[in-house]
Amino acid sequence: MSIVSRTRGKSSDRKNSVSLQPSKSTLWRRARDRPTLKDKAVRQQYLTPCEEEALVRYVLEYAERGYPLPAKSLRSLALVIARRRGSDDPDLHLPGKNWL
């Protein structure tokens, strides 16, 4: 039995048909002047794009040297970067105590 035949519903039919109408949840958010999920995700980011790029370069450098960092350590490294950031920009806030 293949994986495709085990899926529930008519997912292949849904993929082939193009729906031009937004979902009900999107319409609900728009009606209540809520931000889009993309805007909300951008606001909730703790690292700036520059900081993210630096973290990626750091991880790749260590991997090239033969010391791949475990995925578990990425969150703590991001926390260190965020906490060392200057508090000059009020839009960038530090992670809370439950972030790690």
C-alpha atoms as a PDB file:
ATOM      1  CA  MET A   1       0.000   0.000   0.000  1.00  0.00           C
ATOM      2  CA  SER A   2       1.513   3.309  -0.985  1.00  0.00           C
ATOM      3  CA  ILE A   3       1.551   6.455   1.116  1.00  0.00           C
ATOM      4  CA  VAL A   4      -0.670   8.254  -1.377  1.00  0.00           C
ATOM      5  CA  SER A   5      -3.439   5.690  -1.109  1.00  0.00           C
ATOM      6  CA  ARG A   6      -3.449   5.924   2.700  1.00  0.00           C
ATOM      7  CA  THR A   7      -4.249   9.633   2.834  1.00  0.00           C
ATOM      8  CA  ARG A   8      -7.678  10.621   4.000  1.00  0.00           C
ATOM      9  CA  GLY A   9     -10.120  12.636   1.942  1.00  0.00           C
ATOM     10  CA  LYS A  10      -9.615  13.908  -1.532  1.00  0.00           C
ATOM     11  CA  SER A  11      -6.357  15.747  -1.035  1.00  0.00           C
ATOM     12  CA  SER A  12      -5.308  15.200  -4.644  1.00  0.00           C
ATOM     13  CA  ASP A  13      -8.542  16.815  -5.825  1.00  0.00           C
ATOM     14  CA  ARG A  14      -7.951  19.791  -3.522  1.00  0.00           C
ATOM     15  CA  LYS A  15      -4.408  20.247  -4.794  1.00  0.00           C
ATOM     16  CA  ASN A  16      -5.523  20.253  -8.414  1.00  0.00           C
ATOM     17  CA  SER A  17      -8.351  22.747  -7.948  1.00  0.00           C
ATOM     18  CA  VAL A  18      -7.317  26.339  -7.418  1.00  0.00           C
ATOM     19  CA  SER A  19      -9.428  28.252  -4.915  1.00  0.00           C
ATOM     20  CA  LEU A  20      -9.464  31.994  -5.432  1.00  0.00           C
ATOM     21  CA  GLN A  21     -11.257  32.736  -2.169  1.00  0.00           C
ATOM     22  CA  PRO A  22      -9.361  33.152   1.103  1.00  0.00           C
ATOM     23  CA  SER A  23     -10.089  30.843   4.001  1.00  0.00           C
ATOM     24  CA  LYS A  24     -12.707  31.654   6.637  1.00  0.00           C
ATOM     25  CA  SER A  25     -10.039  32.388   9.229  1.00  0.00           C
ATOM     26  CA  THR A  26      -8.364  34.877   6.876  1.00  0.00           C
ATOM     27  CA  LEU A  27     -11.674  36.633   6.270  1.00  0.00           C
ATOM     28  CA  TRP A  28     -12.343  36.708  10.025  1.00  0.00           C
ATOM     29  CA  ARG A  29      -8.922  38.298  10.679  1.00  0.00           C
ATOM     30  CA  ARG A  30      -9.387  40.870   7.938  1.00  0.00           C
ATOM     31  CA  ALA A  31     -12.839  41.843   9.236  1.00  0.00           C
ATOM     32  CA  ARG A  32     -11.401  42.519  12.685  1.00  0.00           C
ATOM     33  CA  ASP A  33      -8.337  44.455  11.461  1.00  0.00           C
ATOM     34  CA  ARG A  34      -5.974  41.799  12.772  1.00  0.00           C
ATOM     35  CA  PRO A  35      -2.461  41.567  11.326  1.00  0.00           C
ATOM     36  CA  THR A  36      -1.696  38.876   8.792  1.00  0.00           C
ATOM     37  CA  LEU A  37       0.071  35.777  10.053  1.00  0.00           C
ATOM     38  CA  LYS A  38       3.185  36.834   8.146  1.00  0.00           C
ATOM     39  CA  ASP A  39       3.210  40.283   9.786  1.00  0.00           C
ATOM     40  CA  LYS A  40       2.661  38.713  13.187  1.00  0.00           C
ATOM     41  CA  ALA A  41       5.545  36.279  12.657  1.00  0.00           C
ATOM     42  CA  VAL A  42       7.884  39.108  11.624  1.00  0.00           C
ATOM     43  CA  ARG A  43       6.962  41.093  14.751  1.00  0.00           C
ATOM     44  CA  GLN A  44       7.614  38.095  16.995  1.00  0.00           C
ATOM     45  CA  GLN A  45      11.110  37.410  15.675  1.00  0.00           C
ATOM     46  CA  TYR A  46      13.823  37.913  18.246  1.00  0.00           C
ATOM     47  CA  LEU A  47      16.724  38.044  15.816  1.00  0.00           C
ATOM     48  CA  THR A  48      17.135  40.587  13.069  1.00  0.00           C
ATOM     49  CA  PRO A  49      17.937  39.276   9.576  1.00  0.00           C
ATOM     50  CA  CYS A  50      21.557  40.357  10.083  1.00  0.00           C
ATOM     51  CA  GLU A  51      21.770  38.433  13.371  1.00  0.00           C
ATOM     52  CA  GLU A  52      20.174  35.384  11.762  1.00  0.00           C
ATOM     53  CA  GLU A  53      22.733  35.495   8.973  1.00  0.00           C
ATOM     54  CA  ALA A  54      25.585  35.707  11.496  1.00  0.00           C
ATOM     55  CA  LEU A  55      24.213  32.700  13.380  1.00  0.00           C
ATOM     56  CA  VAL A  56      23.950  30.673  10.167  1.00  0.00           C
ATOM     57  CA  ARG A  57      27.510  31.591   9.168  1.00  0.00           C
ATOM     58  CA  TYR A  58      28.763  30.567  12.628  1.00  0.00           C
ATOM     59  CA  VAL A  59      27.021  27.193  12.477  1.00  0.00           C
ATOM     60  CA  LEU A  60      28.247  26.496   8.938  1.00  0.00           C
ATOM     61  CA  GLU A  61      31.825  27.465   9.828  1.00  0.00           C
ATOM     62  CA  TYR A  62      31.880  25.003  12.701  1.00  0.00           C
ATOM     63  CA  ALA A  63      30.368  22.295  10.500  1.00  0.00           C
ATOM     64  CA  GLU A  64      33.089  22.842   7.886  1.00  0.00           C
ATOM     65  CA  ARG A  65      35.753  22.433  10.568  1.00  0.00           C
ATOM     66  CA  GLY A  66      34.263  19.092  11.563  1.00  0.00           C
ATOM     67  CA  TYR A  67      32.362  20.210  14.647  1.00  0.00           C
ATOM     68  CA  PRO A  68      28.685  20.243  13.683  1.00  0.00           C
ATOM     69  CA  LEU A  69      26.581  21.934  16.331  1.00  0.00           C
ATOM     70  CA  PRO A  70      23.520  20.057  17.563  1.00  0.00           C
ATOM     71  CA  ALA A  71      20.169  21.576  16.698  1.00  0.00           C
ATOM     72  CA  LYS A  72      19.436  21.902  20.427  1.00  0.00           C
ATOM     73  CA  SER A  73      22.155  24.514  20.798  1.00  0.00           C
ATOM     74  CA  LEU A  74      20.739  26.870  18.154  1.00  0.00           C
ATOM     75  CA  ARG A  75      18.075  28.249  20.444  1.00  0.00           C
ATOM     76  CA  SER A  76      20.545  29.022  23.214  1.00  0.00           C
ATOM     77  CA  LEU A  77      22.952  30.641  20.731  1.00  0.00           C
ATOM     78  CA  ALA A  78      20.117  32.811  19.410  1.00  0.00           C
ATOM     79  CA  LEU A  79      19.286  33.788  22.982  1.00  0.00           C
ATOM     80  CA  VAL A  80      22.890  34.861  23.604  1.00  0.00           C
ATOM     81  CA  ILE A  81      22.834  36.990  20.449  1.00  0.00           C
ATOM     82  CA  ALA A  82      19.530  38.599  21.395  1.00  0.00           C
ATOM     83  CA  ARG A  83      20.647  39.398  24.934  1.00  0.00           C
ATOM     84  CA  ARG A  84      23.876  41.044  23.767  1.00  0.00           C
ATOM     85  CA  ARG A  85      21.939  43.373  21.499  1.00  0.00           C
ATOM     86  CA  GLY A  86      21.856  47.001  22.515  1.00  0.00           C
ATOM     87  CA  SER A  87      18.561  48.368  23.799  1.00  0.00           C
ATOM     88  CA  ASP A  88      18.684  51.372  21.446  1.00  0.00           C
ATOM     89  CA  ASP A  89      15.830  50.172  19.256  1.00  0.00           C
ATOM     90  CA  PRO A  90      12.503  49.944  21.152  1.00  0.00           C
ATOM     91  CA  ASP A  91      10.980  47.733  18.421  1.00  0.00           C
ATOM     92  CA  LEU A  92      13.487  44.980  19.170  1.00  0.00           C
ATOM     93  CA  HIS A  93      12.637  43.444  22.500  1.00  0.00           C
ATOM     94  CA  LEU A  94      14.548  40.863  24.479  1.00  0.00           C
ATOM     95  CA  PRO A  95      13.203  37.362  24.784  1.00  0.00           C
ATOM     96  CA  GLY A  96      11.238  36.610  27.904  1.00  0.00           C
ATOM     97  CA  LYS A  97      12.183  34.142  30.614  1.00  0.00           C
ATOM     98  CA  ASN A  98      10.215  31.312  28.983  1.00  0.00           C
ATOM     99  CA  TRP A  99      11.782  31.649  25.542  1.00  0.00           C
ATOM    100  CA  LEU A 100      14.571  29.189  26.148  1.00  0.00           C
END
